[in-house]
């Protein structure tokens, strides 16, 4: 398929051919949601952790004898019903939140998002995103040319373009991602996606789970 080719100033300078298998996929919201949920679940870290009766200190000795005291029987002061005892049924950091998603499904979801955003005019293929030096001002100028009102963009540079990662690292709502590391979350999070012309071929070659 054919789409517009832009320069750094957001001006159309030519036409460029892009692969149908990447940018011509039908929109599949159910698959995209499944891939997004899996990615967010796999990034989740179990931080909440409570101590159960085996983790708290003390309580090795039976508080008092079983019978004859008139009080309720107890075996340990580490019981959850005692002050300073363990927590019953509290959150534990051993819980696993990871979700498995097949490689083909993940790839199909990425292609679906790229195709939908291209159809909506939110994907721009740029002739070159190379910058002479890793300066934030240079990248900020490029992003503002494509989204002047609320600058927000996901930049996908070519494999040889290394300066742009450092230059865009401290710009709010701007992120640079390797063409081999595309993911559904970033593609959906940013309004505009700027893909360098040479990165299109890298995406097509890397994501080859099925053709």
N, C-alpha and C. Protein backbone atom coordinates (compact mmCIF):
# COMPACT_ATOMS: atom_id res chain seq x y z
N UNK A 1 0.83 -1.19 0.00
CA UNK A 1 0.00 0.00 0.00
C UNK A 1 0.88 1.25 0.00
N UNK A 2 0.31 2.36 -0.43
CA UNK A 2 1.03 3.61 -0.58
C UNK A 2 0.51 4.62 0.43
N UNK A 3 1.43 5.35 1.05
CA UNK A 3 1.05 6.41 1.99
C UNK A 3 1.97 7.60 1.80
N UNK A 4 1.63 8.71 2.44
CA UNK A 4 2.43 9.93 2.32
C UNK A 4 3.76 9.80 3.06
N UNK A 5 4.77 10.44 2.51
CA UNK A 5 6.09 10.51 3.15
C UNK A 5 6.32 11.95 3.58
N UNK A 6 6.65 12.14 4.85
CA UNK A 6 6.82 13.48 5.42
C UNK A 6 8.29 13.78 5.68
N UNK A 7 8.58 15.08 5.78
CA UNK A 7 9.90 15.49 6.25
C UNK A 7 9.79 15.91 7.71
N UNK A 8 10.88 16.43 8.27
CA UNK A 8 10.89 16.81 9.69
C UNK A 8 9.95 17.96 10.02
N UNK A 9 9.53 18.69 9.01
CA UNK A 9 8.65 19.83 9.22
C UNK A 9 7.18 19.48 9.01
N UNK A 10 6.88 18.20 8.93
CA UNK A 10 5.51 17.71 8.75
C UNK A 10 4.93 18.09 7.40
N UNK A 11 5.79 18.23 6.40
CA UNK A 11 5.35 18.52 5.05
C UNK A 11 5.43 17.25 4.19
N UNK A 12 4.40 17.02 3.38
CA UNK A 12 4.40 15.86 2.50
C UNK A 12 5.36 16.12 1.35
N UNK A 13 6.33 15.24 1.18
CA UNK A 13 7.34 15.44 0.15
C UNK A 13 7.30 14.38 -0.94
N UNK A 14 6.62 13.24 -0.63
CA UNK A 14 6.60 12.16 -1.61
C UNK A 14 5.62 11.09 -1.16
N UNK A 15 5.58 10.00 -1.89
CA UNK A 15 4.82 8.83 -1.51
C UNK A 15 5.77 7.69 -1.20
N UNK A 16 5.36 6.80 -0.31
CA UNK A 16 6.21 5.67 0.06
C UNK A 16 5.36 4.41 0.16
N UNK A 17 5.95 3.30 -0.21
CA UNK A 17 5.24 2.02 -0.14
C UNK A 17 5.50 1.36 1.20
N UNK A 18 4.44 0.91 1.86
CA UNK A 18 4.55 0.23 3.14
C UNK A 18 3.87 -1.13 3.03
N UNK A 19 4.31 -2.11 3.81
CA UNK A 19 3.77 -3.47 3.67
C UNK A 19 2.32 -3.60 4.15
N UNK A 20 1.51 -4.26 3.34
CA UNK A 20 0.10 -4.48 3.69
C UNK A 20 -0.04 -5.36 4.93
N UNK A 21 0.88 -6.31 5.13
CA UNK A 21 0.76 -7.24 6.25
C UNK A 21 0.96 -6.55 7.60
N UNK A 22 1.54 -5.35 7.58
CA UNK A 22 1.76 -4.59 8.80
C UNK A 22 0.73 -3.48 8.97
N UNK A 23 0.44 -2.78 7.89
CA UNK A 23 -0.41 -1.59 7.96
C UNK A 23 -1.77 -1.76 7.28
N UNK A 24 -2.06 -2.96 6.82
CA UNK A 24 -3.34 -3.18 6.15
C UNK A 24 -4.19 -4.24 6.82
N UNK A 25 -4.06 -4.35 8.13
CA UNK A 25 -4.78 -5.38 8.90
C UNK A 25 -6.09 -4.78 9.43
N UNK A 26 -7.12 -5.59 9.46
CA UNK A 26 -8.42 -5.12 9.97
C UNK A 26 -8.36 -4.90 11.47
N UNK A 27 -9.19 -3.99 11.95
CA UNK A 27 -9.23 -3.64 13.38
C UNK A 27 -9.87 -4.76 14.18
N UNK A 28 -9.16 -5.22 15.22
CA UNK A 28 -9.63 -6.31 16.06
C UNK A 28 -9.55 -5.86 17.53
N UNK A 29 -10.58 -5.17 18.03
CA UNK A 29 -10.51 -4.62 19.39
C UNK A 29 -10.40 -5.68 20.47
N UNK A 30 -11.02 -6.84 20.28
CA UNK A 30 -10.95 -7.89 21.29
C UNK A 30 -9.52 -8.41 21.45
N UNK A 31 -8.85 -8.63 20.33
CA UNK A 31 -7.47 -9.11 20.38
C UNK A 31 -6.54 -8.05 20.96
N UNK A 32 -6.77 -6.80 20.60
CA UNK A 32 -5.94 -5.71 21.12
C UNK A 32 -6.09 -5.60 22.63
N UNK A 33 -7.32 -5.71 23.13
CA UNK A 33 -7.54 -5.65 24.58
C UNK A 33 -6.87 -6.82 25.28
N UNK A 34 -6.94 -8.00 24.68
CA UNK A 34 -6.32 -9.17 25.29
C UNK A 34 -4.80 -8.99 25.37
N UNK A 35 -4.20 -8.47 24.31
CA UNK A 35 -2.75 -8.24 24.30
C UNK A 35 -2.37 -7.14 25.29
N UNK A 36 -3.20 -6.10 25.39
CA UNK A 36 -2.93 -5.01 26.33
C UNK A 36 -3.03 -5.50 27.77
N UNK A 37 -4.06 -6.27 28.08
CA UNK A 37 -4.23 -6.79 29.43
C UNK A 37 -3.07 -7.70 29.82
N UNK A 38 -2.62 -8.52 28.86
CA UNK A 38 -1.49 -9.42 29.14
C UNK A 38 -0.21 -8.64 29.39
N UNK A 39 0.03 -7.60 28.60
CA UNK A 39 1.24 -6.79 28.78
C UNK A 39 1.24 -6.09 30.13
N UNK A 40 0.11 -5.52 30.53
CA UNK A 40 0.04 -4.83 31.81
C UNK A 40 0.14 -5.80 32.98
N UNK A 41 -0.44 -6.99 32.81
CA UNK A 41 -0.35 -7.98 33.88
C UNK A 41 1.08 -8.48 34.05
N UNK A 42 1.79 -8.67 32.93
CA UNK A 42 3.17 -9.15 32.99
C UNK A 42 4.12 -8.10 33.57
N UNK A 43 3.73 -6.84 33.49
CA UNK A 43 4.57 -5.77 34.06
C UNK A 43 4.25 -5.52 35.53
N UNK A 44 3.22 -6.16 36.03
CA UNK A 44 2.80 -5.92 37.41
C UNK A 44 3.71 -6.66 38.39
N UNK A 45 4.09 -5.96 39.45
CA UNK A 45 4.94 -6.54 40.48
C UNK A 45 4.18 -6.64 41.79
N UNK A 46 4.18 -7.81 42.41
CA UNK A 46 3.46 -7.97 43.69
C UNK A 46 4.23 -7.32 44.83
N UNK A 47 3.86 -6.10 45.19
CA UNK A 47 4.57 -5.37 46.24
C UNK A 47 3.93 -5.54 47.61
N UNK A 48 2.61 -5.68 47.66
CA UNK A 48 1.92 -5.83 48.95
C UNK A 48 2.27 -7.18 49.57
N UNK A 49 2.70 -7.14 50.83
CA UNK A 49 3.12 -8.39 51.49
C UNK A 49 2.88 -8.26 52.99
N UNK A 50 2.15 -9.21 53.55
CA UNK A 50 1.90 -9.23 54.98
C UNK A 50 2.55 -10.46 55.60
N UNK A 51 2.83 -10.38 56.90
CA UNK A 51 3.44 -11.50 57.62
C UNK A 51 2.36 -12.40 58.19
N UNK A 52 2.49 -13.67 57.92
CA UNK A 52 1.56 -14.62 58.53
C UNK A 52 2.14 -15.12 59.85
N UNK A 53 1.50 -16.07 60.48
CA UNK A 53 1.94 -16.49 61.81
C UNK A 53 3.30 -17.17 61.80
N UNK A 54 3.77 -17.55 60.65
CA UNK A 54 5.11 -18.13 60.56
C UNK A 54 6.20 -17.11 60.38
N UNK A 55 5.83 -15.86 60.11
CA UNK A 55 6.82 -14.81 59.86
C UNK A 55 7.06 -13.90 61.06
N UNK A 56 6.06 -13.75 61.94
CA UNK A 56 6.22 -12.83 63.07
C UNK A 56 7.10 -13.46 64.15
N UNK A 57 7.70 -12.61 64.94
CA UNK A 57 8.61 -13.10 65.98
C UNK A 57 7.84 -13.49 67.24
N UNK A 58 8.47 -14.33 68.07
CA UNK A 58 7.87 -14.75 69.35
C UNK A 58 6.89 -15.89 69.19
N UNK A 59 6.24 -16.21 70.31
CA UNK A 59 5.18 -17.20 70.26
C UNK A 59 5.60 -18.64 70.20
N UNK A 60 6.85 -18.92 70.52
CA UNK A 60 7.28 -20.31 70.45
C UNK A 60 6.72 -21.17 71.57
N UNK A 61 6.34 -20.56 72.65
CA UNK A 61 5.85 -21.30 73.82
C UNK A 61 4.35 -21.13 73.95
N UNK A 62 3.68 -22.17 74.39
CA UNK A 62 2.24 -22.11 74.65
C UNK A 62 1.99 -21.10 75.77
N UNK A 63 1.09 -20.11 75.57
CA UNK A 63 0.90 -19.04 76.56
C UNK A 63 0.57 -19.56 77.96
N UNK A 64 -0.31 -20.52 78.07
CA UNK A 64 -0.64 -21.15 79.35
C UNK A 64 -1.13 -22.56 79.08
N UNK A 65 -1.26 -23.31 80.15
CA UNK A 65 -1.64 -24.70 80.00
C UNK A 65 -3.03 -24.84 79.40
N UNK A 66 -3.30 -26.00 78.84
CA UNK A 66 -4.54 -26.21 78.09
C UNK A 66 -5.79 -26.09 78.97
N UNK A 67 -5.74 -26.68 80.17
CA UNK A 67 -6.95 -26.73 81.01
C UNK A 67 -6.69 -26.15 82.40
N UNK A 68 -7.78 -25.76 83.04
CA UNK A 68 -7.71 -25.40 84.44
C UNK A 68 -7.51 -23.92 84.74
N UNK A 69 -7.31 -23.11 83.74
CA UNK A 69 -7.10 -21.68 84.01
C UNK A 69 -8.39 -20.88 83.92
N UNK A 70 -9.41 -21.43 83.29
CA UNK A 70 -10.65 -20.70 83.10
C UNK A 70 -10.63 -19.81 81.87
N UNK A 71 -9.50 -19.75 81.24
CA UNK A 71 -9.40 -18.93 80.03
C UNK A 71 -9.46 -19.81 78.79
N UNK A 72 -9.64 -19.15 77.63
CA UNK A 72 -9.70 -19.90 76.38
C UNK A 72 -8.35 -20.53 76.07
N UNK A 73 -8.40 -21.64 75.41
CA UNK A 73 -7.16 -22.34 75.07
C UNK A 73 -6.44 -21.63 73.92
N UNK A 74 -5.12 -21.55 74.02
CA UNK A 74 -4.30 -20.95 72.98
C UNK A 74 -3.01 -21.74 72.85
N UNK A 75 -2.54 -21.82 71.63
CA UNK A 75 -1.30 -22.56 71.40
C UNK A 75 -0.11 -21.66 71.11
N UNK A 76 -0.37 -20.42 70.66
CA UNK A 76 0.73 -19.53 70.31
C UNK A 76 0.26 -18.08 70.31
N UNK A 77 1.14 -17.18 70.69
CA UNK A 77 0.81 -15.75 70.63
C UNK A 77 0.99 -15.20 69.22
N UNK A 78 1.43 -16.05 68.30
CA UNK A 78 1.56 -15.62 66.90
C UNK A 78 0.26 -15.84 66.13
N UNK A 79 -0.75 -16.32 66.80
CA UNK A 79 -2.05 -16.53 66.16
C UNK A 79 -2.62 -15.20 65.66
N UNK A 80 -3.35 -15.19 64.55
CA UNK A 80 -3.93 -13.94 64.02
C UNK A 80 -4.88 -13.23 64.98
N UNK A 81 -5.42 -13.92 65.97
CA UNK A 81 -6.36 -13.26 66.89
C UNK A 81 -5.65 -12.56 68.04
N UNK A 82 -4.33 -12.68 68.11
CA UNK A 82 -3.55 -12.01 69.14
C UNK A 82 -2.96 -10.71 68.60
N UNK A 83 -2.84 -9.73 69.47
CA UNK A 83 -2.16 -8.50 69.10
C UNK A 83 -0.69 -8.80 68.82
N UNK A 84 -0.20 -8.34 67.71
CA UNK A 84 1.17 -8.63 67.32
C UNK A 84 1.32 -9.96 66.62
N UNK A 85 0.21 -10.66 66.42
CA UNK A 85 0.26 -11.95 65.73
C UNK A 85 0.29 -11.78 64.22
N UNK A 86 0.30 -12.90 63.52
CA UNK A 86 0.33 -12.87 62.06
C UNK A 86 -0.99 -12.43 61.47
N UNK A 87 -0.97 -12.06 60.20
CA UNK A 87 -2.16 -11.62 59.48
C UNK A 87 -2.76 -12.82 58.75
N UNK A 88 -4.07 -12.99 58.88
CA UNK A 88 -4.75 -14.09 58.21
C UNK A 88 -5.25 -13.64 56.83
N UNK A 89 -4.93 -14.41 55.81
CA UNK A 89 -5.42 -14.19 54.44
C UNK A 89 -5.00 -12.84 53.87
N UNK A 90 -3.85 -12.32 54.28
CA UNK A 90 -3.36 -11.05 53.73
C UNK A 90 -2.65 -11.25 52.41
N UNK A 91 -2.35 -10.16 51.69
CA UNK A 91 -1.64 -10.27 50.41
C UNK A 91 -0.22 -10.78 50.60
N UNK A 92 0.24 -11.60 49.65
CA UNK A 92 1.58 -12.16 49.71
C UNK A 92 2.32 -11.85 48.42
N UNK A 93 3.60 -11.56 48.51
CA UNK A 93 4.38 -11.17 47.33
C UNK A 93 4.69 -12.35 46.41
N UNK A 94 4.36 -13.55 46.84
CA UNK A 94 4.61 -14.71 46.00
C UNK A 94 3.56 -14.87 44.90
N UNK A 95 2.52 -14.05 44.92
CA UNK A 95 1.46 -14.18 43.93
C UNK A 95 1.98 -13.85 42.55
N UNK A 96 1.58 -14.63 41.55
CA UNK A 96 2.04 -14.45 40.18
C UNK A 96 0.90 -13.87 39.34
N UNK A 97 1.15 -12.72 38.72
CA UNK A 97 0.14 -12.06 37.90
C UNK A 97 0.36 -12.26 36.40
N UNK A 98 1.46 -12.88 36.01
CA UNK A 98 1.82 -12.97 34.59
C UNK A 98 0.78 -13.76 33.80
N UNK A 99 0.59 -13.34 32.56
CA UNK A 99 -0.36 -13.97 31.65
C UNK A 99 0.36 -14.30 30.36
N UNK A 100 0.14 -15.49 29.84
CA UNK A 100 0.79 -15.90 28.60
C UNK A 100 -0.07 -15.51 27.40
N UNK A 101 0.58 -14.97 26.39
CA UNK A 101 -0.10 -14.66 25.13
C UNK A 101 0.79 -15.15 24.00
N UNK A 102 0.20 -15.79 23.02
CA UNK A 102 0.97 -16.35 21.93
C UNK A 102 1.66 -15.25 21.10
N UNK A 103 2.79 -15.60 20.53
CA UNK A 103 3.56 -14.65 19.74
C UNK A 103 2.75 -14.13 18.55
N UNK A 104 2.02 -15.01 17.91
CA UNK A 104 1.23 -14.59 16.75
C UNK A 104 0.10 -13.65 17.15
N UNK A 105 -0.49 -13.89 18.30
CA UNK A 105 -1.56 -13.01 18.77
C UNK A 105 -1.01 -11.62 19.11
N UNK A 106 0.13 -11.59 19.77
CA UNK A 106 0.75 -10.31 20.13
C UNK A 106 1.11 -9.53 18.87
N UNK A 107 1.67 -10.22 17.90
CA UNK A 107 2.05 -9.55 16.65
C UNK A 107 0.83 -9.06 15.90
N UNK A 108 -0.21 -9.86 15.85
CA UNK A 108 -1.44 -9.45 15.16
C UNK A 108 -2.06 -8.23 15.82
N UNK A 109 -1.97 -8.15 17.15
CA UNK A 109 -2.51 -6.99 17.87
C UNK A 109 -1.72 -5.72 17.53
N UNK A 110 -0.39 -5.85 17.44
CA UNK A 110 0.45 -4.70 17.08
C UNK A 110 0.10 -4.22 15.67
N UNK A 111 -0.04 -5.15 14.74
CA UNK A 111 -0.39 -4.78 13.37
C UNK A 111 -1.77 -4.15 13.30
N UNK A 112 -2.68 -4.64 14.11
CA UNK A 112 -4.04 -4.10 14.12
C UNK A 112 -4.06 -2.65 14.58
N UNK A 113 -3.28 -2.35 15.63
CA UNK A 113 -3.21 -0.98 16.13
C UNK A 113 -2.54 -0.06 15.11
N UNK A 114 -1.44 -0.52 14.52
CA UNK A 114 -0.75 0.29 13.51
C UNK A 114 -1.67 0.59 12.33
N UNK A 115 -2.42 -0.40 11.88
CA UNK A 115 -3.33 -0.22 10.75
C UNK A 115 -4.45 0.76 11.09
N UNK A 116 -5.00 0.63 12.29
CA UNK A 116 -6.08 1.52 12.71
C UNK A 116 -5.59 2.96 12.83
N UNK A 117 -4.42 3.15 13.42
CA UNK A 117 -3.89 4.49 13.58
C UNK A 117 -3.49 5.10 12.23
N UNK A 118 -3.02 4.29 11.31
CA UNK A 118 -2.72 4.80 9.97
C UNK A 118 -4.00 5.25 9.27
N UNK A 119 -5.04 4.47 9.44
CA UNK A 119 -6.33 4.83 8.85
C UNK A 119 -6.87 6.12 9.45
N UNK A 120 -6.61 6.35 10.73
CA UNK A 120 -7.08 7.56 11.41
C UNK A 120 -6.14 8.75 11.23
N UNK A 121 -5.06 8.56 10.48
CA UNK A 121 -4.12 9.64 10.25
C UNK A 121 -3.17 9.92 11.39
N UNK A 122 -2.98 8.96 12.27
CA UNK A 122 -2.12 9.16 13.44
C UNK A 122 -0.75 8.50 13.28
N UNK A 123 -0.52 7.82 12.16
CA UNK A 123 0.79 7.25 11.86
C UNK A 123 1.39 8.03 10.69
N UNK A 124 2.59 8.54 10.90
CA UNK A 124 3.28 9.30 9.87
C UNK A 124 4.62 8.64 9.57
N UNK A 125 4.89 8.39 8.30
CA UNK A 125 6.19 7.87 7.88
C UNK A 125 7.06 9.07 7.51
N UNK A 126 8.17 9.21 8.22
CA UNK A 126 9.05 10.37 8.05
C UNK A 126 10.30 9.93 7.30
N UNK A 127 10.71 10.77 6.35
CA UNK A 127 11.87 10.44 5.52
C UNK A 127 13.11 10.21 6.37
N UNK A 128 13.36 11.09 7.33
CA UNK A 128 14.53 10.95 8.20
C UNK A 128 14.28 11.63 9.54
N UNK A 129 14.61 10.94 10.60
CA UNK A 129 14.52 11.51 11.95
C UNK A 129 15.90 11.66 12.57
N UNK A 130 16.91 11.59 11.74
CA UNK A 130 18.29 11.70 12.23
C UNK A 130 18.58 13.11 12.73
N UNK A 131 19.31 13.18 13.83
CA UNK A 131 19.74 14.46 14.38
C UNK A 131 21.25 14.43 14.56
N UNK A 132 21.88 15.58 14.36
CA UNK A 132 23.34 15.65 14.39
C UNK A 132 23.90 15.33 15.76
N UNK A 133 23.18 15.76 16.81
CA UNK A 133 23.62 15.51 18.17
C UNK A 133 22.41 15.29 19.07
N UNK A 134 22.58 14.59 20.18
CA UNK A 134 21.44 14.27 21.05
C UNK A 134 20.95 15.47 21.85
N UNK A 135 20.29 16.40 21.18
CA UNK A 135 19.76 17.60 21.81
C UNK A 135 18.24 17.52 21.91
N UNK A 136 17.73 17.78 23.10
CA UNK A 136 16.28 17.73 23.32
C UNK A 136 15.54 18.71 22.42
N UNK A 137 16.14 19.87 22.20
CA UNK A 137 15.50 20.91 21.40
C UNK A 137 15.23 20.43 19.98
N UNK A 138 16.11 19.64 19.42
CA UNK A 138 15.94 19.16 18.05
C UNK A 138 14.75 18.22 17.94
N UNK A 139 14.63 17.29 18.87
CA UNK A 139 13.52 16.35 18.84
C UNK A 139 12.20 17.05 19.17
N UNK A 140 12.25 17.98 20.11
CA UNK A 140 11.05 18.71 20.48
C UNK A 140 10.50 19.49 19.30
N UNK A 141 11.38 20.05 18.48
CA UNK A 141 10.93 20.77 17.29
C UNK A 141 10.23 19.87 16.29
N UNK A 142 10.73 18.65 16.14
CA UNK A 142 10.11 17.70 15.22
C UNK A 142 8.72 17.31 15.71
N UNK A 143 8.61 17.02 17.00
CA UNK A 143 7.33 16.59 17.56
C UNK A 143 6.30 17.71 17.46
N UNK A 144 6.71 18.94 17.74
CA UNK A 144 5.78 20.07 17.69
C UNK A 144 5.31 20.35 16.27
N UNK A 145 6.11 19.99 15.29
CA UNK A 145 5.69 20.19 13.90
C UNK A 145 4.52 19.28 13.55
N UNK A 146 4.49 18.09 14.15
CA UNK A 146 3.41 17.15 13.86
C UNK A 146 2.24 17.28 14.81
N UNK A 147 2.46 17.80 16.00
CA UNK A 147 1.38 17.97 16.98
C UNK A 147 1.64 19.23 17.78
N UNK A 148 1.24 20.36 17.21
CA UNK A 148 1.56 21.65 17.82
C UNK A 148 0.74 21.93 19.06
N UNK A 149 -0.52 21.47 19.11
CA UNK A 149 -1.41 21.81 20.24
C UNK A 149 -0.98 21.09 21.51
N UNK A 150 -0.97 19.77 21.47
CA UNK A 150 -0.54 18.97 22.62
C UNK A 150 0.53 17.99 22.15
N UNK A 151 1.80 18.42 22.19
CA UNK A 151 2.88 17.55 21.70
C UNK A 151 2.90 16.20 22.38
N UNK A 152 2.66 15.18 21.61
CA UNK A 152 2.69 13.80 22.13
C UNK A 152 2.99 12.89 20.96
N UNK A 153 4.03 12.07 21.11
CA UNK A 153 4.40 11.22 19.98
C UNK A 153 5.23 10.03 20.45
N UNK A 154 5.03 8.94 19.74
CA UNK A 154 5.88 7.77 19.88
C UNK A 154 6.77 7.74 18.65
N UNK A 155 8.07 7.81 18.86
CA UNK A 155 9.02 7.87 17.76
C UNK A 155 9.64 6.49 17.55
N UNK A 156 9.59 6.03 16.31
CA UNK A 156 10.18 4.73 15.95
C UNK A 156 11.31 5.02 14.95
N UNK A 157 12.53 5.20 15.42
CA UNK A 157 13.64 5.53 14.52
C UNK A 157 14.22 4.31 13.84
N UNK A 158 15.09 4.53 12.89
CA UNK A 158 15.79 3.43 12.24
C UNK A 158 16.79 2.82 13.21
N UNK A 159 17.29 1.65 12.88
CA UNK A 159 18.20 0.94 13.78
C UNK A 159 19.51 1.70 13.99
N UNK A 160 19.91 2.50 13.02
CA UNK A 160 21.17 3.23 13.13
C UNK A 160 21.04 4.57 13.82
N UNK A 161 19.82 5.00 14.06
CA UNK A 161 19.58 6.31 14.67
C UNK A 161 19.58 6.17 16.20
N UNK A 162 20.71 6.42 16.82
CA UNK A 162 20.86 6.22 18.26
C UNK A 162 20.71 7.51 19.07
N UNK A 163 21.01 8.64 18.48
CA UNK A 163 20.97 9.91 19.22
C UNK A 163 19.58 10.28 19.71
N UNK A 164 18.58 9.83 18.98
CA UNK A 164 17.22 10.28 19.29
C UNK A 164 16.71 9.71 20.62
N UNK A 165 17.22 8.58 21.04
CA UNK A 165 16.78 7.99 22.32
C UNK A 165 17.15 8.89 23.49
N UNK A 166 18.38 9.34 23.49
CA UNK A 166 18.85 10.20 24.58
C UNK A 166 18.18 11.57 24.51
N UNK A 167 17.98 12.07 23.29
CA UNK A 167 17.42 13.41 23.12
C UNK A 167 15.96 13.48 23.53
N UNK A 168 15.24 12.38 23.42
CA UNK A 168 13.80 12.38 23.72
C UNK A 168 13.47 11.84 25.10
N UNK A 169 14.48 11.44 25.86
CA UNK A 169 14.23 10.76 27.13
C UNK A 169 13.58 11.64 28.18
N UNK A 170 13.80 12.95 28.13
CA UNK A 170 13.26 13.83 29.17
C UNK A 170 12.19 14.78 28.64
N UNK A 171 11.58 14.43 27.49
CA UNK A 171 10.49 15.24 26.95
C UNK A 171 9.17 14.63 27.39
N UNK A 172 8.33 15.36 28.08
CA UNK A 172 7.04 14.81 28.52
C UNK A 172 6.19 14.34 27.33
N UNK A 173 5.55 13.20 27.49
CA UNK A 173 4.63 12.65 26.50
C UNK A 173 5.30 12.34 25.16
N UNK A 174 6.60 12.10 25.20
CA UNK A 174 7.35 11.70 24.00
C UNK A 174 8.24 10.52 24.38
N UNK A 175 8.23 9.51 23.54
CA UNK A 175 9.04 8.32 23.81
C UNK A 175 9.58 7.77 22.50
N UNK A 176 10.81 7.31 22.52
CA UNK A 176 11.41 6.65 21.37
C UNK A 176 11.54 5.16 21.67
N UNK A 177 11.15 4.34 20.71
CA UNK A 177 11.18 2.90 20.92
C UNK A 177 11.79 2.23 19.68
N UNK A 178 12.60 1.23 19.93
CA UNK A 178 13.25 0.48 18.85
C UNK A 178 12.19 -0.20 17.98
N UNK A 179 12.38 -0.24 16.66
CA UNK A 179 11.39 -0.89 15.78
C UNK A 179 11.20 -2.37 16.08
N UNK A 180 12.14 -2.98 16.80
CA UNK A 180 12.01 -4.38 17.17
C UNK A 180 11.36 -4.55 18.54
N UNK A 181 10.96 -3.44 19.18
CA UNK A 181 10.39 -3.50 20.52
C UNK A 181 9.02 -2.85 20.59
N UNK A 182 8.28 -2.88 19.53
CA UNK A 182 6.94 -2.30 19.54
C UNK A 182 6.03 -3.08 20.47
N UNK A 183 5.10 -2.37 21.10
CA UNK A 183 4.16 -3.03 21.99
C UNK A 183 2.83 -2.29 21.95
N UNK A 184 1.77 -2.99 22.28
CA UNK A 184 0.42 -2.45 22.18
C UNK A 184 0.23 -1.26 23.11
N UNK A 185 0.78 -1.33 24.31
CA UNK A 185 0.57 -0.26 25.29
C UNK A 185 1.09 1.08 24.78
N UNK A 186 2.32 1.11 24.29
CA UNK A 186 2.89 2.37 23.80
C UNK A 186 2.18 2.85 22.54
N UNK A 187 1.80 1.94 21.67
CA UNK A 187 1.12 2.34 20.44
C UNK A 187 -0.23 2.99 20.73
N UNK A 188 -0.90 2.53 21.77
CA UNK A 188 -2.20 3.10 22.13
C UNK A 188 -2.05 4.36 22.99
N UNK A 189 -0.99 4.45 23.73
CA UNK A 189 -0.82 5.54 24.70
C UNK A 189 -0.57 6.88 24.02
N UNK A 190 0.19 6.87 22.92
CA UNK A 190 0.59 8.11 22.29
C UNK A 190 -0.30 8.43 21.09
N UNK A 191 -0.66 9.70 20.98
CA UNK A 191 -1.58 10.14 19.93
C UNK A 191 -0.97 9.96 18.55
N UNK A 192 0.26 10.40 18.36
CA UNK A 192 0.92 10.33 17.06
C UNK A 192 2.07 9.34 17.10
N UNK A 193 2.25 8.64 16.00
CA UNK A 193 3.35 7.69 15.86
C UNK A 193 4.18 8.11 14.64
N UNK A 194 5.42 8.47 14.90
CA UNK A 194 6.33 8.89 13.84
C UNK A 194 7.31 7.75 13.56
N UNK A 195 7.22 7.19 12.37
CA UNK A 195 8.05 6.06 11.99
C UNK A 195 9.03 6.50 10.91
N UNK A 196 10.32 6.35 11.18
CA UNK A 196 11.32 6.69 10.18
C UNK A 196 11.22 5.71 9.00
N UNK A 197 11.47 6.21 7.83
CA UNK A 197 11.29 5.41 6.61
C UNK A 197 12.05 4.09 6.66
N UNK A 198 13.31 4.13 7.10
CA UNK A 198 14.11 2.90 7.15
C UNK A 198 13.63 1.95 8.25
N UNK A 199 12.86 2.45 9.22
CA UNK A 199 12.36 1.59 10.29
C UNK A 199 11.20 0.72 9.82
N UNK A 200 10.54 1.12 8.74
CA UNK A 200 9.42 0.33 8.23
C UNK A 200 9.90 -1.05 7.80
N UNK A 201 11.02 -1.10 7.10
CA UNK A 201 11.58 -2.37 6.66
C UNK A 201 12.02 -3.22 7.86
N UNK A 202 12.57 -2.56 8.88
CA UNK A 202 13.00 -3.29 10.08
C UNK A 202 11.82 -3.92 10.80
N UNK A 203 10.69 -3.21 10.83
CA UNK A 203 9.48 -3.76 11.46
C UNK A 203 8.98 -4.96 10.66
N UNK A 204 8.95 -4.82 9.36
CA UNK A 204 8.45 -5.90 8.50
C UNK A 204 9.32 -7.15 8.60
N UNK A 205 10.64 -6.96 8.73
CA UNK A 205 11.55 -8.10 8.81
C UNK A 205 11.53 -8.77 10.17
N UNK A 206 11.39 -7.96 11.23
CA UNK A 206 11.46 -8.51 12.59
C UNK A 206 10.19 -9.27 12.97
N UNK A 207 9.05 -8.69 12.67
CA UNK A 207 7.79 -9.31 13.06
C UNK A 207 7.33 -10.23 11.93
N UNK A 208 7.86 -11.43 11.96
CA UNK A 208 7.59 -12.39 10.89
C UNK A 208 7.04 -13.70 11.43
N UNK A 209 6.25 -13.62 12.51
CA UNK A 209 5.66 -14.84 13.07
C UNK A 209 4.75 -15.52 12.05
N UNK A 210 4.10 -14.72 11.23
CA UNK A 210 3.29 -15.28 10.15
C UNK A 210 3.19 -14.23 9.05
N UNK A 211 2.96 -14.68 7.86
CA UNK A 211 2.87 -13.77 6.71
C UNK A 211 1.57 -14.04 5.96
